[in-house]
């Protein structure tokens, strides 16, 4: 929520014209509250637009004089009502002989020069500079759309320093790796890798068994035998 506003509970009596009466009367009551009070000053202060929510409403009473029905409604709304001693921040919109002027809707602020004679912060403030002030008094009328505030300067707010962007580039020493440099061709070394061929496994030679068919039997009679 905006620091200028605070959530408050209110009670108001409203009138609903007969042509807006319906079974679900809440819609008509809410619309009438918005029309009557939002965006303007009431006795409680300035009511922020689009902030009203209905809590409850009474039984309707017929209004025989003008027709329609009257309701007493309890509702919540965000209300701006600067009071003495409150502290706010604002931005310089104009600096004149009267003092410093600023506008932060729905309030218009005047920081009088007469109250700040010899104040260095007051003299050094320029257009668009931010400052903090304390409310001395405020004034408004019902149905007004603005509250006029008289304030006393507390301090000039220095703008936040702009931090330098962090460089994503790494140091040259970390960014690249330098290859070794050779002064002459003789310093260069050539390395050749020759694949080593593995010797095939030596297989054991198997002896062939003689075949019976290839063996010749000598059946001739030997000498000396009968």
C-alpha atoms as a PDB file:
ATOM      1  CA  UNK A   1       0.000   0.000   0.000  1.00  0.00           C
ATOM      2  CA  UNK A   2       1.106   3.555  -0.704  1.00  0.00           C
ATOM      3  CA  UNK A   3       2.606   5.051   2.514  1.00  0.00           C
ATOM      4  CA  UNK A   4       0.367   8.096   2.039  1.00  0.00           C
ATOM      5  CA  UNK A   5      -2.707   5.924   2.613  1.00  0.00           C
ATOM      6  CA  UNK A   6      -3.996   3.849   5.491  1.00  0.00           C
ATOM      7  CA  UNK A   7      -6.800   1.290   5.614  1.00  0.00           C
ATOM      8  CA  UNK A   8      -9.777   2.493   7.635  1.00  0.00           C
ATOM      9  CA  UNK A   9     -13.334   1.397   8.368  1.00  0.00           C
ATOM     10  CA  UNK A  10     -16.156   3.859   7.672  1.00  0.00           C
ATOM     11  CA  UNK A  11     -19.923   3.964   8.012  1.00  0.00           C
ATOM     12  CA  UNK A  12     -22.069   5.987   5.608  1.00  0.00           C
ATOM     13  CA  UNK A  13     -25.734   6.378   4.778  1.00  0.00           C
ATOM     14  CA  UNK A  14     -26.491   6.083   1.076  1.00  0.00           C
ATOM     15  CA  UNK A  15     -29.604   6.320  -1.058  1.00  0.00           C
ATOM     16  CA  UNK A  16     -30.413   3.864  -3.855  1.00  0.00           C
ATOM     17  CA  UNK A  17     -32.781   5.139  -6.513  1.00  0.00           C
ATOM     18  CA  UNK A  18     -35.760   2.909  -7.175  1.00  0.00           C
ATOM     19  CA  UNK A  19     -34.614   2.153 -10.742  1.00  0.00           C
ATOM     20  CA  UNK A  20     -31.404   0.551  -9.375  1.00  0.00           C
ATOM     21  CA  UNK A  21     -33.149  -1.759  -6.883  1.00  0.00           C
ATOM     22  CA  UNK A  22     -32.541  -5.428  -7.610  1.00  0.00           C
ATOM     23  CA  UNK A  23     -32.480  -8.834  -5.921  1.00  0.00           C
ATOM     24  CA  UNK A  24     -28.715  -8.653  -5.374  1.00  0.00           C
ATOM     25  CA  UNK A  25     -28.532  -5.149  -3.944  1.00  0.00           C
ATOM     26  CA  UNK A  26     -24.813  -5.331  -3.073  1.00  0.00           C
ATOM     27  CA  UNK A  27     -23.761  -4.351  -6.605  1.00  0.00           C
ATOM     28  CA  UNK A  28     -25.930  -1.226  -6.517  1.00  0.00           C
ATOM     29  CA  UNK A  29     -24.660  -0.273  -3.043  1.00  0.00           C
ATOM     30  CA  UNK A  30     -21.007  -0.669  -4.070  1.00  0.00           C
ATOM     31  CA  UNK A  31     -21.475   1.383  -7.224  1.00  0.00           C
ATOM     32  CA  UNK A  32     -23.169   4.162  -5.246  1.00  0.00           C
ATOM     33  CA  UNK A  33     -20.320   4.226  -2.694  1.00  0.00           C
ATOM     34  CA  UNK A  34     -17.737   4.522  -5.468  1.00  0.00           C
ATOM     35  CA  UNK A  35     -19.673   7.347  -7.115  1.00  0.00           C
ATOM     36  CA  UNK A  36     -20.142   9.282  -3.881  1.00  0.00           C
ATOM     37  CA  UNK A  37     -16.737   8.914  -2.212  1.00  0.00           C
ATOM     38  CA  UNK A  38     -13.873   7.536  -4.325  1.00  0.00           C
ATOM     39  CA  UNK A  39     -11.370   9.971  -5.830  1.00  0.00           C
ATOM     40  CA  UNK A  40     -12.488  12.941  -3.709  1.00  0.00           C
ATOM     41  CA  UNK A  41     -12.134  14.231  -0.156  1.00  0.00           C
ATOM     42  CA  UNK A  42     -14.724  13.420   2.464  1.00  0.00           C
ATOM     43  CA  UNK A  43     -14.691  14.402   6.123  1.00  0.00           C
ATOM     44  CA  UNK A  44     -12.224  11.547   6.758  1.00  0.00           C
ATOM     45  CA  UNK A  45      -9.793  12.552   3.996  1.00  0.00           C
ATOM     46  CA  UNK A  46      -9.108  11.584   0.387  1.00  0.00           C
ATOM     47  CA  UNK A  47     -10.431   8.110  -0.529  1.00  0.00           C
ATOM     48  CA  UNK A  48      -8.302   6.255  -3.049  1.00  0.00           C
ATOM     49  CA  UNK A  49     -10.121   5.026  -6.174  1.00  0.00           C
ATOM     50  CA  UNK A  50     -10.819   1.292  -6.459  1.00  0.00           C
ATOM     51  CA  UNK A  51     -10.218   0.708  -2.739  1.00  0.00           C
ATOM     52  CA  UNK A  52     -13.726   0.383  -1.240  1.00  0.00           C
ATOM     53  CA  UNK A  53     -14.869  -3.042  -0.013  1.00  0.00           C
ATOM     54  CA  UNK A  54     -18.251  -3.544   1.655  1.00  0.00           C
ATOM     55  CA  UNK A  55     -18.404  -5.180   5.090  1.00  0.00           C
ATOM     56  CA  UNK A  56     -22.149  -5.086   5.811  1.00  0.00           C
ATOM     57  CA  UNK A  57     -25.298  -3.031   5.270  1.00  0.00           C
ATOM     58  CA  UNK A  58     -28.516  -2.471   7.182  1.00  0.00           C
ATOM     59  CA  UNK A  59     -32.077  -3.284   6.219  1.00  0.00           C
ATOM     60  CA  UNK A  60     -33.343  -0.836   3.628  1.00  0.00           C
ATOM     61  CA  UNK A  61     -35.750   1.908   4.631  1.00  0.00           C
ATOM     62  CA  UNK A  62     -38.104   3.380   2.076  1.00  0.00           C
ATOM     63  CA  UNK A  63     -37.709   7.069   1.435  1.00  0.00           C
ATOM     64  CA  UNK A  64     -41.203   8.350   0.679  1.00  0.00           C
ATOM     65  CA  UNK A  65     -40.066  11.901  -0.056  1.00  0.00           C
ATOM     66  CA  UNK A  66     -37.785  11.217  -3.006  1.00  0.00           C
ATOM     67  CA  UNK A  67     -38.457   7.532  -3.591  1.00  0.00           C
ATOM     68  CA  UNK A  68     -35.992   4.686  -3.406  1.00  0.00           C
ATOM     69  CA  UNK A  69     -34.385   3.026  -0.396  1.00  0.00           C
ATOM     70  CA  UNK A  70     -31.833   4.220   2.182  1.00  0.00           C
ATOM     71  CA  UNK A  71     -29.079   1.964   3.614  1.00  0.00           C
ATOM     72  CA  UNK A  72     -26.452   2.379   6.316  1.00  0.00           C
ATOM     73  CA  UNK A  73     -23.283   0.721   5.001  1.00  0.00           C
ATOM     74  CA  UNK A  74     -20.059  -0.259   6.761  1.00  0.00           C
ATOM     75  CA  UNK A  75     -17.066  -0.483   4.430  1.00  0.00           C
ATOM     76  CA  UNK A  76     -13.280  -0.260   4.285  1.00  0.00           C
ATOM     77  CA  UNK A  77     -11.228   2.105   2.130  1.00  0.00           C
ATOM     78  CA  UNK A  78      -7.685   3.455   1.711  1.00  0.00           C
ATOM     79  CA  UNK A  79      -7.657   7.028   3.040  1.00  0.00           C
ATOM     80  CA  UNK A  80      -5.050   9.793   2.827  1.00  0.00           C
ATOM     81  CA  UNK A  81      -5.183  12.288   5.692  1.00  0.00           C
ATOM     82  CA  UNK A  82      -1.751  13.839   6.466  1.00  0.00           C
ATOM     83  CA  UNK A  83      -1.500  14.978  10.066  1.00  0.00           C
ATOM     84  CA  UNK A  84       1.093  16.944  11.990  1.00  0.00           C
ATOM     85  CA  UNK A  85       4.295  15.043  12.673  1.00  0.00           C
ATOM     86  CA  UNK A  86       4.031  12.569   9.786  1.00  0.00           C
ATOM     87  CA  UNK A  87       7.129  12.141   7.622  1.00  0.00           C
ATOM     88  CA  UNK A  88       7.073  11.580   3.876  1.00  0.00           C
ATOM     89  CA  UNK A  89       9.407  11.600   0.884  1.00  0.00           C
ATOM     90  CA  UNK A  90       8.816  13.720  -2.209  1.00  0.00           C
ATOM     91  CA  UNK A  91      10.515  15.112  -5.314  1.00  0.00           C
ATOM     92  CA  UNK A  92      11.119  18.768  -6.139  1.00  0.00           C
ATOM     93  CA  UNK A  93       8.828  19.887  -8.959  1.00  0.00           C
ATOM     94  CA  UNK A  94       9.404  23.663  -8.670  1.00  0.00           C
ATOM     95  CA  UNK A  95      11.579  26.034  -6.649  1.00  0.00           C
ATOM     96  CA  UNK A  96      10.307  29.609  -6.293  1.00  0.00           C
ATOM     97  CA  UNK A  97      10.620  32.624  -4.008  1.00  0.00           C
ATOM     98  CA  UNK A  98       7.953  31.109  -1.770  1.00  0.00           C
ATOM     99  CA  UNK A  99       9.843  27.878  -1.332  1.00  0.00           C
ATOM    100  CA  UNK A 100       9.955  24.341  -2.670  1.00  0.00           C
ATOM    101  CA  UNK A 101       6.874  22.945  -4.382  1.00  0.00           C
ATOM    102  CA  UNK A 102       6.175  19.266  -4.828  1.00  0.00           C
ATOM    103  CA  UNK A 103       3.232  17.133  -5.872  1.00  0.00           C
ATOM    104  CA  UNK A 104       2.601  13.541  -4.885  1.00  0.00           C
ATOM    105  CA  UNK A 105      -1.020  12.799  -5.672  1.00  0.00           C
ATOM    106  CA  UNK A 106      -3.318  13.385  -3.940  1.00  0.00           C
ATOM    107  CA  UNK A 107      -1.272  15.933  -1.953  1.00  0.00           C
ATOM    108  CA  UNK A 108       0.451  19.158  -2.998  1.00  0.00           C
ATOM    109  CA  UNK A 109       3.365  20.164  -0.782  1.00  0.00           C
ATOM    110  CA  UNK A 110       4.922  23.529   0.012  1.00  0.00           C
ATOM    111  CA  UNK A 111       8.189  23.800   1.961  1.00  0.00           C
ATOM    112  CA  UNK A 112       8.293  27.546   2.885  1.00  0.00           C
ATOM    113  CA  UNK A 113      11.557  29.409   2.375  1.00  0.00           C
ATOM    114  CA  UNK A 114      10.924  31.516   5.505  1.00  0.00           C
ATOM    115  CA  UNK A 115      11.315  28.435   7.719  1.00  0.00           C
ATOM    116  CA  UNK A 116      14.657  27.437   6.168  1.00  0.00           C
ATOM    117  CA  UNK A 117      16.779  30.587   6.072  1.00  0.00           C
ATOM    118  CA  UNK A 118      20.431  29.545   6.170  1.00  0.00           C
ATOM    119  CA  UNK A 119      19.611  25.866   5.586  1.00  0.00           C
ATOM    120  CA  UNK A 120      22.195  24.486   3.141  1.00  0.00           C
ATOM    121  CA  UNK A 121      20.102  21.456   2.207  1.00  0.00           C
ATOM    122  CA  UNK A 122      17.229  23.753   1.271  1.00  0.00           C
ATOM    123  CA  UNK A 123      19.445  25.995  -0.865  1.00  0.00           C
ATOM    124  CA  UNK A 124      21.139  23.081  -2.630  1.00  0.00           C
ATOM    125  CA  UNK A 125      17.954  21.294  -3.648  1.00  0.00           C
ATOM    126  CA  UNK A 126      17.285  21.402  -7.374  1.00  0.00           C
ATOM    127  CA  UNK A 127      14.587  20.248  -9.741  1.00  0.00           C
ATOM    128  CA  UNK A 128      13.893  16.473  -9.533  1.00  0.00           C
ATOM    129  CA  UNK A 129      15.898  16.112  -6.304  1.00  0.00           C
ATOM    130  CA  UNK A 130      14.308  13.967  -3.607  1.00  0.00           C
ATOM    131  CA  UNK A 131      13.882  15.098  -0.023  1.00  0.00           C
ATOM    132  CA  UNK A 132      12.260  14.076   3.243  1.00  0.00           C
ATOM    133  CA  UNK A 133       9.887  16.406   5.071  1.00  0.00           C
ATOM    134  CA  UNK A 134       7.682  16.570   8.151  1.00  0.00           C
ATOM    135  CA  UNK A 135       4.048  17.657   7.965  1.00  0.00           C
ATOM    136  CA  UNK A 136       3.301  20.911   9.804  1.00  0.00           C
ATOM    137  CA  UNK A 137      -0.321  21.171   8.716  1.00  0.00           C
ATOM    138  CA  UNK A 138      -2.802  20.252   5.975  1.00  0.00           C
ATOM    139  CA  UNK A 139      -5.946  21.752   4.470  1.00  0.00           C
ATOM    140  CA  UNK A 140      -8.737  20.471   2.238  1.00  0.00           C
ATOM    141  CA  UNK A 141     -12.461  20.823   1.630  1.00  0.00           C
ATOM    142  CA  UNK A 142     -15.030  18.123   0.996  1.00  0.00           C
ATOM    143  CA  UNK A 143     -15.350  17.169  -2.670  1.00  0.00           C
ATOM    144  CA  UNK A 144     -11.790  18.448  -3.319  1.00  0.00           C
ATOM    145  CA  UNK A 145      -9.467  16.184  -5.278  1.00  0.00           C
ATOM    146  CA  UNK A 146      -6.292  17.523  -3.626  1.00  0.00           C
ATOM    147  CA  UNK A 147      -4.989  18.013  -0.076  1.00  0.00           C
ATOM    148  CA  UNK A 148      -2.613  20.953   0.496  1.00  0.00           C
ATOM    149  CA  UNK A 149       0.246  20.225   2.903  1.00  0.00           C
ATOM    150  CA  UNK A 150       2.701  22.587   4.608  1.00  0.00           C
ATOM    151  CA  UNK A 151       5.985  20.915   5.539  1.00  0.00           C
ATOM    152  CA  UNK A 152       9.402  21.358   7.112  1.00  0.00           C
ATOM    153  CA  UNK A 153      12.476  20.010   5.327  1.00  0.00           C
ATOM    154  CA  UNK A 154      14.270  17.248   7.219  1.00  0.00           C
ATOM    155  CA  UNK A 155      16.987  16.196   4.790  1.00  0.00           C
ATOM    156  CA  UNK A 156      17.942  16.034   1.151  1.00  0.00           C
ATOM    157  CA  UNK A 157      18.102  12.475  -0.127  1.00  0.00           C
ATOM    158  CA  UNK A 158      21.134  11.569  -2.171  1.00  0.00           C
ATOM    159  CA  UNK A 159      20.496   9.423  -5.226  1.00  0.00           C
ATOM    160  CA  UNK A 160      21.694   5.861  -5.050  1.00  0.00           C
ATOM    161  CA  UNK A 161      25.133   5.553  -6.658  1.00  0.00           C
ATOM    162  CA  UNK A 162      25.180   3.694  -9.921  1.00  0.00           C
ATOM    163  CA  UNK A 163      27.262   0.579  -9.487  1.00  0.00           C
ATOM    164  CA  UNK A 164      29.600  -0.225 -12.398  1.00  0.00           C
ATOM    165  CA  UNK A 165      28.657  -3.210 -14.413  1.00  0.00           C
ATOM    166  CA  UNK A 166      30.711  -6.281 -13.611  1.00  0.00           C
ATOM    167  CA  UNK A 167      32.819  -7.188 -16.616  1.00  0.00           C
ATOM    168  CA  UNK A 168      32.288 -10.707 -17.819  1.00  0.00           C
ATOM    169  CA  UNK A 169      35.668 -10.718 -19.561  1.00  0.00           C
ATOM    170  CA  UNK A 170      38.371 -12.597 -17.747  1.00  0.00           C
ATOM    171  CA  UNK A 171      41.922 -11.396 -17.406  1.00  0.00           C
ATOM    172  CA  UNK A 172      44.033 -11.986 -20.446  1.00  0.00           C
ATOM    173  CA  UNK A 173      46.137 -14.397 -18.448  1.00  0.00           C
ATOM    174  CA  UNK A 174      42.999 -16.442 -17.704  1.00  0.00           C
ATOM    175  CA  UNK A 175      41.161 -15.880 -20.945  1.00  0.00           C
ATOM    176  CA  UNK A 176      43.682 -17.477 -23.333  1.00  0.00           C
ATOM    177  CA  UNK A 177      46.508 -19.924 -22.960  1.00  0.00           C
ATOM    178  CA  UNK A 178      49.573 -18.987 -24.987  1.00  0.00           C
ATOM    179  CA  UNK A 179      51.318 -21.717 -26.936  1.00  0.00           C
ATOM    180  CA  UNK A 180      55.098 -21.994 -26.592  1.00  0.00           C
ATOM    181  CA  UNK A 181      56.965 -19.980 -29.203  1.00  0.00           C
ATOM    182  CA  UNK A 182      60.037 -21.304 -31.015  1.00  0.00           C
ATOM    183  CA  UNK A 183      62.795 -18.982 -32.071  1.00  0.00           C
ATOM    184  CA  UNK A 184      63.911 -21.112 -35.025  1.00  0.00           C
ATOM    185  CA  UNK A 185      62.992 -24.211 -36.903  1.00  0.00           C
ATOM    186  CA  UNK A 186      65.762 -26.155 -35.148  1.00  0.00           C
ATOM    187  CA  UNK A 187      63.993 -25.632 -31.817  1.00  0.00           C
ATOM    188  CA  UNK A 188      60.861 -27.283 -33.057  1.00  0.00           C
ATOM    189  CA  UNK A 189      60.456 -30.913 -32.199  1.00  0.00           C
ATOM    190  CA  UNK A 190      58.587 -33.270 -34.442  1.00  0.00           C
ATOM    191  CA  UNK A 191      57.078 -36.254 -32.788  1.00  0.00           C
ATOM    192  CA  UNK A 192      55.825 -39.116 -34.944  1.00  0.00           C
ATOM    193  CA  UNK A 193      53.761 -41.872 -33.486  1.00  0.00           C
ATOM    194  CA  UNK A 194      54.077 -45.185 -35.325  1.00  0.00           C
ATOM    195  CA  UNK A 195      51.552 -47.853 -34.504  1.00  0.00           C
ATOM    196  CA  UNK A 196      53.180 -51.073 -33.311  1.00  0.00           C
ATOM    197  CA  UNK A 197      52.041 -54.169 -35.120  1.00  0.00           C
ATOM    198  CA  UNK A 198      51.466 -57.077 -32.859  1.00  0.00           C
ATOM    199  CA  UNK A 199      53.009 -60.392 -33.915  1.00  0.00           C
ATOM    200  CA  UNK A 200      50.442 -62.991 -34.722  1.00  0.00           C
ATOM    201  CA  UNK A 201      50.197 -65.799 -32.241  1.00  0.00           C
ATOM    202  CA  UNK A 202      52.303 -68.776 -33.312  1.00  0.00           C
ATOM    203  CA  UNK A 203      50.145 -71.770 -33.761  1.00  0.00           C
ATOM    204  CA  UNK A 204      51.501 -75.143 -32.849  1.00  0.00           C
ATOM    205  CA  UNK A 205      52.068 -77.364 -35.841  1.00  0.00           C
ATOM    206  CA  UNK A 206      50.060 -80.530 -35.649  1.00  0.00           C
ATOM    207  CA  UNK A 207      51.533 -83.783 -36.935  1.00  0.00           C
ATOM    208  CA  UNK A 208      49.398 -85.651 -39.340  1.00  0.00           C
ATOM    209  CA  UNK A 209      48.690 -89.244 -38.485  1.00  0.00           C
ATOM    210  CA  UNK A 210      49.575 -91.652 -41.320  1.00  0.00           C
ATOM    211  CA  UNK A 211      46.634 -93.100 -43.047  1.00  0.00           C
ATOM    212  CA  UNK A 212      46.310 -96.881 -43.279  1.00  0.00           C
ATOM    213  CA  UNK A 213      45.586 -96.656 -46.956  1.00  0.00           C
ATOM    214  CA  UNK A 214      48.932 -95.045 -47.601  1.00  0.00           C
ATOM    215  CA  UNK A 215      50.927 -97.735 -45.799  1.00  0.00           C
ATOM    216  CA  UNK A 216      52.147-100.582 -48.063  1.00  0.00           C
ATOM    217  CA  UNK A 217      52.602-103.994 -46.506  1.00  0.00           C
ATOM    218  CA  UNK A 218      55.324-106.157 -48.013  1.00  0.00           C
ATOM    219  CA  UNK A 219      53.909-109.692 -48.122  1.00  0.00           C
ATOM    220  CA  UNK A 220      56.893-111.283 -49.982  1.00  0.00           C
ATOM    221  CA  UNK A 221      58.558-114.166 -48.071  1.00  0.00           C
ATOM    222  CA  UNK A 222      61.670-113.226 -46.220  1.00  0.00           C
ATOM    223  CA  UNK A 223      64.833-115.243 -46.707  1.00  0.00           C
ATOM    224  CA  UNK A 224      65.725-117.745 -44.071  1.00  0.00           C
ATOM    225  CA  UNK A 225      62.202-118.481 -43.238  1.00  0.00           C
ATOM    226  CA  UNK A 226      60.636-121.769 -44.262  1.00  0.00           C
END
